[in-house]
Amino acid sequence: MKLDWTEGELGKGLRCYRACEFFAAHEHWEIVWLASKEPEKTFLQGVIQVAAAFYHLQRDNPLGTLFLLRRAQLRLQRYPEYFGGMDVSSLRGEIADWLQVLEAGGSIHGRSYPELRRGGKAGVTI
């Protein structure tokens, strides 16, 4: 299954994510996740958990954020550097940075959310 982040539910979810509308992003991506098969299914679940984590952060639930980012990191660690049109390595690195700050009880104010960057084969855009 080719994941096209420019249109359909993936595209809508990506636009929501970039607008910090994390719950809406999660809802759009879940539609695709439900119809997916492996290996895309687990990959999408990891990305969805990232969105859900930051929804929890918006609702002042840092423990929920921490829990979901840990789960997302575990799911995404099995994927190569680039998968499904996304730079997974960069995403994992940003998740690790967030986990480090959250686990240390550091300040999260002013931190940017992980970006979902283009990666992989030519012509695949995110």
PDB file of N, CA and C in Angstrom:
ATOM      1  N   MET A   1       0.842  -1.181   0.000  1.00  0.00           N
ATOM      2  CA  MET A   1       0.000   0.000   0.000  1.00  0.00           C
ATOM      3  C   MET A   1       0.888   1.244   0.000  1.00  0.00           C
ATOM      4  N   LYS A   2       0.649   2.135  -0.910  1.00  0.00           N
ATOM      5  CA  LYS A   2       1.392   3.395  -0.965  1.00  0.00           C
ATOM      6  C   LYS A   2       0.687   4.417  -0.081  1.00  0.00           C
ATOM      7  N   LEU A   3       1.438   5.041   0.776  1.00  0.00           N
ATOM      8  CA  LEU A   3       0.887   6.078   1.637  1.00  0.00           C
ATOM      9  C   LEU A   3       1.112   7.426   0.968  1.00  0.00           C
ATOM     10  N   ASP A   4       0.023   8.068   0.593  1.00  0.00           N
ATOM     11  CA  ASP A   4       0.087   9.369  -0.070  1.00  0.00           C
ATOM     12  C   ASP A   4      -0.382  10.435   0.905  1.00  0.00           C
ATOM     13  N   TRP A   5       0.559  11.221   1.391  1.00  0.00           N
ATOM     14  CA  TRP A   5       0.294  12.229   2.406  1.00  0.00           C
ATOM     15  C   TRP A   5      -0.169  13.556   1.808  1.00  0.00           C
ATOM     16  N   THR A   6      -0.449  13.578   0.506  1.00  0.00           N
ATOM     17  CA  THR A   6      -0.855  14.823  -0.141  1.00  0.00           C
ATOM     18  C   THR A   6      -2.358  14.934  -0.318  1.00  0.00           C
ATOM     19  N   GLU A   7      -3.081  13.819  -0.177  1.00  0.00           N
ATOM     20  CA  GLU A   7      -4.523  13.863  -0.412  1.00  0.00           C
ATOM     21  C   GLU A   7      -5.250  12.874   0.486  1.00  0.00           C
ATOM     22  N   GLY A   8      -6.543  12.840   0.365  1.00  0.00           N
ATOM     23  CA  GLY A   8      -7.356  11.914   1.156  1.00  0.00           C
ATOM     24  C   GLY A   8      -7.212  12.158   2.642  1.00  0.00           C
ATOM     25  N   GLU A   9      -7.500  11.132   3.406  1.00  0.00           N
ATOM     26  CA  GLU A   9      -7.465  11.241   4.867  1.00  0.00           C
ATOM     27  C   GLU A   9      -6.057  11.498   5.398  1.00  0.00           C
ATOM     28  N   LEU A  10      -5.039  10.930   4.734  1.00  0.00           N
ATOM     29  CA  LEU A  10      -3.675  11.204   5.184  1.00  0.00           C
ATOM     30  C   LEU A  10      -3.339  12.679   4.999  1.00  0.00           C
ATOM     31  N   GLY A  11      -3.705  13.232   3.836  1.00  0.00           N
ATOM     32  CA  GLY A  11      -3.450  14.647   3.578  1.00  0.00           C
ATOM     33  C   GLY A  11      -4.206  15.551   4.529  1.00  0.00           C
ATOM     34  N   LYS A  12      -5.473  15.232   4.764  1.00  0.00           N
ATOM     35  CA  LYS A  12      -6.273  16.023   5.714  1.00  0.00           C
ATOM     36  C   LYS A  12      -5.660  15.968   7.106  1.00  0.00           C
ATOM     37  N   GLY A  13      -5.262  14.780   7.511  1.00  0.00           N
ATOM     38  CA  GLY A  13      -4.646  14.624   8.823  1.00  0.00           C
ATOM     39  C   GLY A  13      -3.338  15.385   8.936  1.00  0.00           C
ATOM     40  N   LEU A  14      -2.545  15.364   7.872  1.00  0.00           N
ATOM     41  CA  LEU A  14      -1.267  16.079   7.892  1.00  0.00           C
ATOM     42  C   LEU A  14      -1.506  17.586   8.024  1.00  0.00           C
ATOM     43  N   ARG A  15      -2.485  18.102   7.305  1.00  0.00           N
ATOM     44  CA  ARG A  15      -2.800  19.528   7.426  1.00  0.00           C
ATOM     45  C   ARG A  15      -3.262  19.852   8.849  1.00  0.00           C
ATOM     46  N   CYS A  16      -4.056  18.988   9.438  1.00  0.00           N
ATOM     47  CA  CYS A  16      -4.486  19.189  10.832  1.00  0.00           C
ATOM     48  C   CYS A  16      -3.291  19.142  11.778  1.00  0.00           C
ATOM     49  N   TYR A  17      -2.419  18.168  11.594  1.00  0.00           N
ATOM     50  CA  TYR A  17      -1.238  18.035  12.454  1.00  0.00           C
ATOM     51  C   TYR A  17      -0.406  19.309  12.400  1.00  0.00           C
ATOM     52  N   ARG A  18      -0.162  19.792  11.192  1.00  0.00           N
ATOM     53  CA  ARG A  18       0.658  21.005  11.037  1.00  0.00           C
ATOM     54  C   ARG A  18      -0.017  22.239  11.618  1.00  0.00           C
ATOM     55  N   ALA A  19      -1.336  22.204  11.746  1.00  0.00           N
ATOM     56  CA  ALA A  19      -2.080  23.302  12.374  1.00  0.00           C
ATOM     57  C   ALA A  19      -2.243  23.066  13.879  1.00  0.00           C
ATOM     58  N   CYS A  20      -1.565  22.056  14.409  1.00  0.00           N
ATOM     59  CA  CYS A  20      -1.633  21.680  15.827  1.00  0.00           C
ATOM     60  C   CYS A  20      -3.028  21.242  16.244  1.00  0.00           C
ATOM     61  N   GLU A  21      -3.782  20.719  15.297  1.00  0.00           N
ATOM     62  CA  GLU A  21      -5.092  20.131  15.570  1.00  0.00           C
ATOM     63  C   GLU A  21      -4.890  18.615  15.662  1.00  0.00           C
ATOM     64  N   PHE A  22      -4.296  18.211  16.761  1.00  0.00           N
ATOM     65  CA  PHE A  22      -3.817  16.836  16.888  1.00  0.00           C
ATOM     66  C   PHE A  22      -4.934  15.805  16.990  1.00  0.00           C
ATOM     67  N   PHE A  23      -6.017  16.145  17.655  1.00  0.00           N
ATOM     68  CA  PHE A  23      -7.115  15.188  17.744  1.00  0.00           C
ATOM     69  C   PHE A  23      -7.711  14.940  16.364  1.00  0.00           C
ATOM     70  N   ALA A  24      -7.908  15.994  15.591  1.00  0.00           N
ATOM     71  CA  ALA A  24      -8.450  15.849  14.239  1.00  0.00           C
ATOM     72  C   ALA A  24      -7.496  15.052  13.351  1.00  0.00           C
ATOM     73  N   ALA A  25      -6.191  15.305  13.473  1.00  0.00           N
ATOM     74  CA  ALA A  25      -5.201  14.543  12.697  1.00  0.00           C
ATOM     75  C   ALA A  25      -5.334  13.057  13.013  1.00  0.00           C
ATOM     76  N   HIS A  26      -5.408  12.748  14.287  1.00  0.00           N
ATOM     77  CA  HIS A  26      -5.567  11.367  14.746  1.00  0.00           C
ATOM     78  C   HIS A  26      -6.802  10.730  14.112  1.00  0.00           C
ATOM     79  N   GLU A  27      -7.906  11.452  14.093  1.00  0.00           N
ATOM     80  CA  GLU A  27      -9.155  10.916  13.543  1.00  0.00           C
ATOM     81  C   GLU A  27      -9.043  10.621  12.047  1.00  0.00           C
ATOM     82  N   HIS A  28      -8.443  11.520  11.294  1.00  0.00           N
ATOM     83  CA  HIS A  28      -8.267  11.300   9.851  1.00  0.00           C
ATOM     84  C   HIS A  28      -7.366  10.095   9.592  1.00  0.00           C
ATOM     85  N   TRP A  29      -6.261  10.025  10.304  1.00  0.00           N
ATOM     86  CA  TRP A  29      -5.304   8.940  10.076  1.00  0.00           C
ATOM     87  C   TRP A  29      -5.853   7.593  10.518  1.00  0.00           C
ATOM     88  N   GLU A  30      -6.695   7.603  11.534  1.00  0.00           N
ATOM     89  CA  GLU A  30      -7.273   6.343  12.017  1.00  0.00           C
ATOM     90  C   GLU A  30      -8.132   5.676  10.940  1.00  0.00           C
ATOM     91  N   ILE A  31      -8.781   6.460  10.110  1.00  0.00           N
ATOM     92  CA  ILE A  31      -9.586   5.905   9.021  1.00  0.00           C
ATOM     93  C   ILE A  31      -8.707   5.067   8.089  1.00  0.00           C
ATOM     94  N   VAL A  32      -7.532   5.572   7.766  1.00  0.00           N
ATOM     95  CA  VAL A  32      -6.597   4.844   6.894  1.00  0.00           C
ATOM     96  C   VAL A  32      -6.018   3.646   7.646  1.00  0.00           C
ATOM     97  N   TRP A  33      -5.665   3.846   8.897  1.00  0.00           N
ATOM     98  CA  TRP A  33      -5.094   2.779   9.721  1.00  0.00           C
ATOM     99  C   TRP A  33      -6.026   1.567   9.791  1.00  0.00           C
ATOM    100  N   LEU A  34      -7.308   1.817   9.974  1.00  0.00           N
ATOM    101  CA  LEU A  34      -8.267   0.714  10.083  1.00  0.00           C
ATOM    102  C   LEU A  34      -8.306  -0.152   8.826  1.00  0.00           C
ATOM    103  N   ALA A  35      -8.050   0.424   7.677  1.00  0.00           N
ATOM    104  CA  ALA A  35      -8.098  -0.308   6.408  1.00  0.00           C
ATOM    105  C   ALA A  35      -6.728  -0.835   5.979  1.00  0.00           C
ATOM    106  N   SER A  36      -5.696  -0.565   6.761  1.00  0.00           N
ATOM    107  CA  SER A  36      -4.330  -0.926   6.376  1.00  0.00           C
ATOM    108  C   SER A  36      -3.955  -2.334   6.808  1.00  0.00           C
ATOM    109  N   LYS A  37      -2.950  -2.834   6.139  1.00  0.00           N
ATOM    110  CA  LYS A  37      -2.318  -4.105   6.498  1.00  0.00           C
ATOM    111  C   LYS A  37      -0.860  -3.809   6.847  1.00  0.00           C
ATOM    112  N   GLU A  38      -0.201  -4.788   7.434  1.00  0.00           N
ATOM    113  CA  GLU A  38       1.214  -4.626   7.776  1.00  0.00           C
ATOM    114  C   GLU A  38       2.050  -4.564   6.501  1.00  0.00           C
ATOM    115  N   PRO A  39       3.130  -3.828   6.502  1.00  0.00           N
ATOM    116  CA  PRO A  39       3.762  -3.123   7.623  1.00  0.00           C
ATOM    117  C   PRO A  39       3.238  -1.704   7.839  1.00  0.00           C
ATOM    118  N   GLU A  40       2.370  -1.233   6.947  1.00  0.00           N
ATOM    119  CA  GLU A  40       1.856   0.131   7.065  1.00  0.00           C
ATOM    120  C   GLU A  40       1.002   0.337   8.316  1.00  0.00           C
ATOM    121  N   LYS A  41       0.293  -0.705   8.726  1.00  0.00           N
ATOM    122  CA  LYS A  41      -0.628  -0.571   9.863  1.00  0.00           C
ATOM    123  C   LYS A  41       0.097  -0.148  11.140  1.00  0.00           C
ATOM    124  N   THR A  42       1.168  -0.839  11.486  1.00  0.00           N
ATOM    125  CA  THR A  42       1.908  -0.502  12.703  1.00  0.00           C
ATOM    126  C   THR A  42       2.599   0.848  12.557  1.00  0.00           C
ATOM    127  N   PHE A  43       3.097   1.143  11.367  1.00  0.00           N
ATOM    128  CA  PHE A  43       3.720   2.438  11.108  1.00  0.00           C
ATOM    129  C   PHE A  43       2.712   3.566  11.364  1.00  0.00           C
ATOM    130  N   LEU A  44       1.538   3.444  10.772  1.00  0.00           N
ATOM    131  CA  LEU A  44       0.503   4.465  10.969  1.00  0.00           C
ATOM    132  C   LEU A  44       0.102   4.567  12.429  1.00  0.00           C
ATOM    133  N   GLN A  45       0.054   3.455  13.115  1.00  0.00           N
ATOM    134  CA  GLN A  45      -0.292   3.490  14.538  1.00  0.00           C
ATOM    135  C   GLN A  45       0.732   4.321  15.309  1.00  0.00           C
ATOM    136  N   GLY A  46       2.002   4.171  14.971  1.00  0.00           N
ATOM    137  CA  GLY A  46       3.034   4.982  15.623  1.00  0.00           C
ATOM    138  C   GLY A  46       2.849   6.466  15.355  1.00  0.00           C
ATOM    139  N   VAL A  47       2.555   6.822  14.106  1.00  0.00           N
ATOM    140  CA  VAL A  47       2.342   8.229  13.754  1.00  0.00           C
ATOM    141  C   VAL A  47       1.093   8.772  14.460  1.00  0.00           C
ATOM    142  N   ILE A  48       0.059   7.969  14.501  1.00  0.00           N
ATOM    143  CA  ILE A  48      -1.170   8.364  15.196  1.00  0.00           C
ATOM    144  C   ILE A  48      -0.881   8.599  16.683  1.00  0.00           C
ATOM    145  N   GLN A  49      -0.054   7.772  17.275  1.00  0.00           N
ATOM    146  CA  GLN A  49       0.269   7.935  18.687  1.00  0.00           C
ATOM    147  C   GLN A  49       1.039   9.227  18.942  1.00  0.00           C
ATOM    148  N   VAL A  50       1.833   9.659  17.966  1.00  0.00           N
ATOM    149  CA  VAL A  50       2.522  10.951  18.106  1.00  0.00           C
ATOM    150  C   VAL A  50       1.479  12.067  18.182  1.00  0.00           C
ATOM    151  N   ALA A  51       0.523  12.050  17.259  1.00  0.00           N
ATOM    152  CA  ALA A  51      -0.535  13.074  17.278  1.00  0.00           C
ATOM    153  C   ALA A  51      -1.319  13.017  18.584  1.00  0.00           C
ATOM    154  N   ALA A  52      -1.681  11.824  19.017  1.00  0.00           N
ATOM    155  CA  ALA A  52      -2.444  11.670  20.262  1.00  0.00           C
ATOM    156  C   ALA A  52      -1.636  12.163  21.463  1.00  0.00           C
ATOM    157  N   ALA A  53      -0.331  11.938  21.436  1.00  0.00           N
ATOM    158  CA  ALA A  53       0.526  12.401  22.529  1.00  0.00           C
ATOM    159  C   ALA A  53       0.450  13.913  22.678  1.00  0.00           C
ATOM    160  N   PHE A  54       0.501  14.615  21.567  1.00  0.00           N
ATOM    161  CA  PHE A  54       0.486  16.071  21.653  1.00  0.00           C
ATOM    162  C   PHE A  54      -0.914  16.623  21.912  1.00  0.00           C
ATOM    163  N   TYR A  55      -1.921  15.852  21.590  1.00  0.00           N
ATOM    164  CA  TYR A  55      -3.274  16.209  22.020  1.00  0.00           C
ATOM    165  C   TYR A  55      -3.332  16.158  23.551  1.00  0.00           C
ATOM    166  N   HIS A  56      -2.734  15.126  24.141  1.00  0.00           N
ATOM    167  CA  HIS A  56      -2.684  15.027  25.606  1.00  0.00           C
ATOM    168  C   HIS A  56      -1.915  16.200  26.197  1.00  0.00           C
ATOM    169  N   LEU A  57      -0.842  16.596  25.543  1.00  0.00           N
ATOM    170  CA  LEU A  57      -0.068  17.733  26.041  1.00  0.00           C
ATOM    171  C   LEU A  57      -0.908  19.011  26.009  1.00  0.00           C
ATOM    172  N   GLN A  58      -1.675  19.202  24.946  1.00  0.00           N
ATOM    173  CA  GLN A  58      -2.561  20.365  24.862  1.00  0.00           C
ATOM    174  C   GLN A  58      -3.596  20.357  25.986  1.00  0.00           C
ATOM    175  N   ARG A  59      -3.933  19.186  26.464  1.00  0.00           N
ATOM    176  CA  ARG A  59      -4.924  19.056  27.539  1.00  0.00           C
ATOM    177  C   ARG A  59      -4.252  18.976  28.915  1.00  0.00           C
ATOM    178  N   ASP A  60      -2.970  19.389  28.952  1.00  0.00           N
ATOM    179  CA  ASP A  60      -2.197  19.451  30.198  1.00  0.00           C
ATOM    180  C   ASP A  60      -2.066  18.084  30.869  1.00  0.00           C
ATOM    181  N   ASN A  61      -1.738  17.081  30.070  1.00  0.00           N
ATOM    182  CA  ASN A  61      -1.537  15.727  30.569  1.00  0.00           C
ATOM    183  C   ASN A  61      -0.154  15.229  30.124  1.00  0.00           C
ATOM    184  N   PRO A  62       0.913  15.735  30.761  1.00  0.00           N
ATOM    185  CA  PRO A  62       2.260  15.341  30.345  1.00  0.00           C
ATOM    186  C   PRO A  62       2.541  13.847  30.520  1.00  0.00           C
ATOM    187  N   LEU A  63       1.901  13.203  31.503  1.00  0.00           N
ATOM    188  CA  LEU A  63       2.118  11.758  31.672  1.00  0.00           C
ATOM    189  C   LEU A  63       1.530  10.975  30.497  1.00  0.00           C
ATOM    190  N   GLY A  64       0.363  11.391  30.020  1.00  0.00           N
ATOM    191  CA  GLY A  64      -0.226  10.779  28.835  1.00  0.00           C
ATOM    192  C   GLY A  64       0.645  11.002  27.619  1.00  0.00           C
ATOM    193  N   THR A  65       1.223  12.185  27.524  1.00  0.00           N
ATOM    194  CA  THR A  65       2.134  12.503  26.424  1.00  0.00           C
ATOM    195  C   THR A  65       3.342  11.577  26.463  1.00  0.00           C
ATOM    196  N   LEU A  66       3.932  11.461  27.624  1.00  0.00           N
ATOM    197  CA  LEU A  66       5.105  10.613  27.805  1.00  0.00           C
ATOM    198  C   LEU A  66       4.793   9.160  27.436  1.00  0.00           C
ATOM    199  N   PHE A  67       3.694   8.652  27.929  1.00  0.00           N
ATOM    200  CA  PHE A  67       3.297   7.272  27.657  1.00  0.00           C
ATOM    201  C   PHE A  67       3.135   7.029  26.151  1.00  0.00           C
ATOM    202  N   LEU A  68       2.406   7.915  25.473  1.00  0.00           N
ATOM    203  CA  LEU A  68       2.150   7.720  24.045  1.00  0.00           C
ATOM    204  C   LEU A  68       3.396   7.918  23.193  1.00  0.00           C
ATOM    205  N   LEU A  69       4.268   8.844  23.576  1.00  0.00           N
ATOM    206  CA  LEU A  69       5.514   9.008  22.819  1.00  0.00           C
ATOM    207  C   LEU A  69       6.416   7.782  22.967  1.00  0.00           C
ATOM    208  N   ARG A  70       6.431   7.202  24.154  1.00  0.00           N
ATOM    209  CA  ARG A  70       7.206   5.959  24.334  1.00  0.00           C
ATOM    210  C   ARG A  70       6.646   4.848  23.445  1.00  0.00           C
ATOM    211  N   ARG A  71       5.324   4.718  23.406  1.00  0.00           N
ATOM    212  CA  ARG A  71       4.698   3.687  22.563  1.00  0.00           C
ATOM    213  C   ARG A  71       4.986   3.941  21.088  1.00  0.00           C
ATOM    214  N   ALA A  72       4.884   5.201  20.673  1.00  0.00           N
ATOM    215  CA  ALA A  72       5.164   5.551  19.274  1.00  0.00           C
ATOM    216  C   ALA A  72       6.605   5.215  18.930  1.00  0.00           C
ATOM    217  N   GLN A  73       7.517   5.551  19.812  1.00  0.00           N
ATOM    218  CA  GLN A  73       8.942   5.278  19.553  1.00  0.00           C
ATOM    219  C   GLN A  73       9.180   3.777  19.396  1.00  0.00           C
ATOM    220  N   LEU A  74       8.557   2.975  20.229  1.00  0.00           N
ATOM    221  CA  LEU A  74       8.698   1.522  20.119  1.00  0.00           C
ATOM    222  C   LEU A  74       8.161   1.008  18.786  1.00  0.00           C
ATOM    223  N   ARG A  75       7.031   1.523  18.357  1.00  0.00           N
ATOM    224  CA  ARG A  75       6.448   1.079  17.086  1.00  0.00           C
ATOM    225  C   ARG A  75       7.305   1.516  15.905  1.00  0.00           C
ATOM    226  N   LEU A  76       7.825   2.723  15.958  1.00  0.00           N
ATOM    227  CA  LEU A  76       8.560   3.263  14.818  1.00  0.00           C
ATOM    228  C   LEU A  76       9.997   2.764  14.729  1.00  0.00           C
ATOM    229  N   GLN A  77      10.524   2.196  15.801  1.00  0.00           N
ATOM    230  CA  GLN A  77      11.928   1.768  15.785  1.00  0.00           C
ATOM    231  C   GLN A  77      12.188   0.627  14.813  1.00  0.00           C
ATOM    232  N   ARG A  78      11.177  -0.122  14.441  1.00  0.00           N
ATOM    233  CA  ARG A  78      11.373  -1.268  13.550  1.00  0.00           C
ATOM    234  C   ARG A  78      11.435  -0.883  12.082  1.00  0.00           C
ATOM    235  N   TYR A  79      11.160   0.392  11.778  1.00  0.00           N
ATOM    236  CA  TYR A  79      11.107   0.833  10.390  1.00  0.00           C
ATOM    237  C   TYR A  79      12.437   1.425   9.950  1.00  0.00           C
ATOM    238  N   PRO A  80      12.711   1.331   8.643  1.00  0.00           N
ATOM    239  CA  PRO A  80      13.972   1.893   8.132  1.00  0.00           C
ATOM    240  C   PRO A  80      13.967   3.416   8.224  1.00  0.00           C
ATOM    241  N   GLU A  81      15.072   3.996   7.833  1.00  0.00           N
ATOM    242  CA  GLU A  81      15.245   5.446   7.887  1.00  0.00           C
ATOM    243  C   GLU A  81      14.108   6.184   7.175  1.00  0.00           C
ATOM    244  N   TYR A  82      13.684   5.650   6.047  1.00  0.00           N
ATOM    245  CA  TYR A  82      12.574   6.226   5.282  1.00  0.00           C
ATOM    246  C   TYR A  82      11.538   5.141   5.048  1.00  0.00           C
ATOM    247  N   PHE A  83      10.290   5.475   5.328  1.00  0.00           N
ATOM    248  CA  PHE A  83       9.209   4.515   5.112  1.00  0.00           C
ATOM    249  C   PHE A  83       7.919   5.278   4.873  1.00  0.00           C
ATOM    250  N   GLY A  84       7.119   4.789   3.966  1.00  0.00           N
ATOM    251  CA  GLY A  84       5.804   5.365   3.728  1.00  0.00           C
ATOM    252  C   GLY A  84       5.827   6.824   3.328  1.00  0.00           C
ATOM    253  N   GLY A  85       6.902   7.246   2.666  1.00  0.00           N
ATOM    254  CA  GLY A  85       7.024   8.634   2.253  1.00  0.00           C
ATOM    255  C   GLY A  85       7.492   9.574   3.342  1.00  0.00           C
ATOM    256  N   MET A  86       7.901   9.025   4.487  1.00  0.00           N
ATOM    257  CA  MET A  86       8.268   9.856   5.628  1.00  0.00           C
ATOM    258  C   MET A  86       9.708   9.601   6.058  1.00  0.00           C
ATOM    259  N   ASP A  87      10.347  10.642   6.538  1.00  0.00           N
ATOM    260  CA  ASP A  87      11.679  10.537   7.128  1.00  0.00           C
ATOM    261  C   ASP A  87      11.492  10.046   8.572  1.00  0.00           C
ATOM    262  N   VAL A  88      11.510   8.738   8.726  1.00  0.00           N
ATOM    263  CA  VAL A  88      11.233   8.117  10.027  1.00  0.00           C
ATOM    264  C   VAL A  88      12.378   8.364  10.998  1.00  0.00           C
ATOM    265  N   SER A  89      13.592   8.369  10.498  1.00  0.00           N
ATOM    266  CA  SER A  89      14.757   8.592  11.351  1.00  0.00           C
ATOM    267  C   SER A  89      14.684   9.955  12.027  1.00  0.00           C
ATOM    268  N   SER A  90      14.329  10.972  11.280  1.00  0.00           N
ATOM    269  CA  SER A  90      14.190  12.319  11.833  1.00  0.00           C
ATOM    270  C   SER A  90      13.077  12.362  12.878  1.00  0.00           C
ATOM    271  N   LEU A  91      11.953  11.725  12.568  1.00  0.00           N
ATOM    272  CA  LEU A  91      10.832  11.693  13.511  1.00  0.00           C
ATOM    273  C   LEU A  91      11.239  11.000  14.809  1.00  0.00           C
ATOM    274  N   ARG A  92      11.922   9.864  14.695  1.00  0.00           N
ATOM    275  CA  ARG A  92      12.374   9.157  15.906  1.00  0.00           C
ATOM    276  C   ARG A  92      13.307  10.035  16.738  1.00  0.00           C
ATOM    277  N   GLY A  93      14.172  10.784  16.058  1.00  0.00           N
ATOM    278  CA  GLY A  93      15.087  11.676  16.768  1.00  0.00           C
ATOM    279  C   GLY A  93      14.347  12.767  17.526  1.00  0.00           C
ATOM    280  N   GLU A  94      13.333  13.340  16.896  1.00  0.00           N
ATOM    281  CA  GLU A  94      12.555  14.386  17.564  1.00  0.00           C
ATOM    282  C   GLU A  94      11.752  13.822  18.732  1.00  0.00           C
ATOM    283  N   ILE A  95      11.230  12.613  18.559  1.00  0.00           N
ATOM    284  CA  ILE A  95      10.518  11.963  19.668  1.00  0.00           C
ATOM    285  C   ILE A  95      11.485  11.737  20.831  1.00  0.00           C
ATOM    286  N   ALA A  96      12.684  11.270  20.526  1.00  0.00           N
ATOM    287  CA  ALA A  96      13.683  11.030  21.577  1.00  0.00           C
ATOM    288  C   ALA A  96      14.010  12.322  22.324  1.00  0.00           C
ATOM    289  N   ASP A  97      14.119  13.423  21.602  1.00  0.00           N
ATOM    290  CA  ASP A  97      14.383  14.712  22.251  1.00  0.00           C
ATOM    291  C   ASP A  97      13.248  15.091  23.197  1.00  0.00           C
ATOM    292  N   TRP A  98      12.008  14.921  22.737  1.00  0.00           N
ATOM    293  CA  TRP A  98      10.852  15.222  23.585  1.00  0.00           C
ATOM    294  C   TRP A  98      10.833  14.318  24.815  1.00  0.00           C
ATOM    295  N   LEU A  99      11.109  13.039  24.617  1.00  0.00           N
ATOM    296  CA  LEU A  99      11.117  12.111  25.758  1.00  0.00           C
ATOM    297  C   LEU A  99      12.153  12.519  26.789  1.00  0.00           C
ATOM    298  N   GLN A 100      13.318  12.910  26.320  1.00  0.00           N
ATOM    299  CA  GLN A 100      14.381  13.321  27.237  1.00  0.00           C
ATOM    300  C   GLN A 100      13.934  14.513  28.088  1.00  0.00           C
ATOM    301  N   VAL A 101      13.329  15.499  27.469  1.00  0.00           N
ATOM    302  CA  VAL A 101      12.872  16.681  28.196  1.00  0.00           C
ATOM    303  C   VAL A 101      11.747  16.324  29.170  1.00  0.00           C
ATOM    304  N   LEU A 102      10.767  15.545  28.696  1.00  0.00           N
ATOM    305  CA  LEU A 102       9.640  15.173  29.552  1.00  0.00           C
ATOM    306  C   LEU A 102      10.096  14.320  30.737  1.00  0.00           C
ATOM    307  N   GLU A 103      10.979  13.362  30.484  1.00  0.00           N
ATOM    308  CA  GLU A 103      11.448  12.480  31.565  1.00  0.00           C
ATOM    309  C   GLU A 103      12.264  13.238  32.595  1.00  0.00           C
ATOM    310  N   ALA A 104      12.954  14.297  32.170  1.00  0.00           N
ATOM    311  CA  ALA A 104      13.763  15.098  33.092  1.00  0.00           C
ATOM    312  C   ALA A 104      12.939  16.180  33.776  1.00  0.00           C
ATOM    313  N   GLY A 105      11.675  16.306  33.372  1.00  0.00           N
ATOM    314  CA  GLY A 105      10.832  17.338  33.951  1.00  0.00           C
ATOM    315  C   GLY A 105      11.207  18.737  33.477  1.00  0.00           C
ATOM    316  N   GLY A 106      11.855  18.806  32.324  1.00  0.00           N
ATOM    317  CA  GLY A 106      12.282  20.095  31.783  1.00  0.00           C
ATOM    318  C   GLY A 106      11.133  20.899  31.207  1.00  0.00           C
ATOM    319  N   SER A 107      11.448  22.104  30.841  1.00  0.00           N
ATOM    320  CA  SER A 107      10.447  23.012  30.279  1.00  0.00           C
ATOM    321  C   SER A 107      10.129  22.630  28.836  1.00  0.00           C
ATOM    322  N   ILE A 108       8.855  22.591  28.536  1.00  0.00           N
ATOM    323  CA  ILE A 108       8.417  22.269  27.177  1.00  0.00           C
ATOM    324  C   ILE A 108       7.905  23.509  26.460  1.00  0.00           C
ATOM    325  N   HIS A 109       7.857  24.617  27.169  1.00  0.00           N
ATOM    326  CA  HIS A 109       7.344  25.857  26.583  1.00  0.00           C
ATOM    327  C   HIS A 109       8.275  26.321  25.466  1.00  0.00           C
ATOM    328  N   GLY A 110       7.676  26.625  24.336  1.00  0.00           N
ATOM    329  CA  GLY A 110       8.437  27.110  23.193  1.00  0.00           C
ATOM    330  C   GLY A 110       9.049  26.023  22.330  1.00  0.00           C
ATOM    331  N   ARG A 111       8.922  24.771  22.738  1.00  0.00           N
ATOM    332  CA  ARG A 111       9.455  23.669  21.934  1.00  0.00           C
ATOM    333  C   ARG A 111       8.542  23.429  20.749  1.00  0.00           C
ATOM    334  N   SER A 112       9.134  23.171  19.617  1.00  0.00           N
ATOM    335  CA  SER A 112       8.307  22.866  18.444  1.00  0.00           C
ATOM    336  C   SER A 112       7.977  21.376  18.441  1.00  0.00           C
ATOM    337  N   TYR A 113       6.812  21.082  17.906  1.00  0.00           N
ATOM    338  CA  TYR A 113       6.375  19.699  17.805  1.00  0.00           C
ATOM    339  C   TYR A 113       7.178  18.983  16.735  1.00  0.00           C
ATOM    340  N   PRO A 114       7.282  17.659  16.824  1.00  0.00           N
ATOM    341  CA  PRO A 114       8.005  16.928  15.781  1.00  0.00           C
ATOM    342  C   PRO A 114       7.400  17.202  14.400  1.00  0.00           C
ATOM    343  N   GLU A 115       8.272  17.403  13.440  1.00  0.00           N
ATOM    344  CA  GLU A 115       7.824  17.610  12.069  1.00  0.00           C
ATOM    345  C   GLU A 115       7.686  16.261  11.380  1.00  0.00           C
ATOM    346  N   LEU A 116       6.772  16.206  10.462  1.00  0.00           N
ATOM    347  CA  LEU A 116       6.629  15.019   9.629  1.00  0.00           C
ATOM    348  C   LEU A 116       7.226  15.399   8.286  1.00  0.00           C
ATOM    349  N   ARG A 117       8.451  14.931   8.058  1.00  0.00           N
ATOM    350  CA  ARG A 117       9.217  15.343   6.894  1.00  0.00           C
ATOM    351  C   ARG A 117       9.161  14.315   5.773  1.00  0.00           C
ATOM    352  N   ARG A 118       9.297  14.817   4.582  1.00  0.00           N
ATOM    353  CA  ARG A 118       9.354  13.985   3.384  1.00  0.00           C
ATOM    354  C   ARG A 118      10.597  13.100   3.438  1.00  0.00           C
ATOM    355  N   GLY A 119      10.428  11.899   2.934  1.00  0.00           N
ATOM    356  CA  GLY A 119      11.564  11.002   2.848  1.00  0.00           C
ATOM    357  C   GLY A 119      11.254   9.818   1.967  1.00  0.00           C
ATOM    358  N   GLY A 120      12.266   9.221   1.427  1.00  0.00           N
ATOM    359  CA  GLY A 120      12.073   8.013   0.627  1.00  0.00           C
ATOM    360  C   GLY A 120      12.252   8.234  -0.833  1.00  0.00           C
ATOM    361  N   LYS A 121      11.523   7.474  -1.590  1.00  0.00           N
ATOM    362  CA  LYS A 121      11.660   7.471  -3.033  1.00  0.00           C
ATOM    363  C   LYS A 121      11.255   8.811  -3.636  1.00  0.00           C
ATOM    364  N   ALA A 122      11.913   9.157  -4.744  1.00  0.00           N
ATOM    365  CA  ALA A 122      11.596  10.392  -5.451  1.00  0.00           C
ATOM    366  C   ALA A 122      10.135  10.396  -5.848  1.00  0.00           C
ATOM    367  N   GLY A 123       9.531  11.546  -5.784  1.00  0.00           N
ATOM    368  CA  GLY A 123       8.145  11.681  -6.177  1.00  0.00           C
ATOM    369  C   GLY A 123       7.159  11.477  -5.044  1.00  0.00           C
ATOM    370  N   VAL A 124       7.627  11.001  -3.917  1.00  0.00           N
ATOM    371  CA  VAL A 124       6.743  10.825  -2.759  1.00  0.00           C
ATOM    372  C   VAL A 124       6.863  12.085  -1.917  1.00  0.00           C
ATOM    373  N   THR A 125       5.764  12.724  -1.689  1.00  0.00           N
ATOM    374  CA  THR A 125       5.766  13.987  -0.962  1.00  0.00           C
ATOM    375  C   THR A 125       4.958  13.862   0.309  1.00  0.00           C
ATOM    376  N   ILE A 126       5.452  14.537   1.305  1.00  0.00           N
ATOM    377  CA  ILE A 126       4.696  14.644   2.547  1.00  0.00           C
ATOM    378  C   ILE A 126       4.671  16.098   2.959  1.00  0.00           C
TER     379      ILE A 126
END
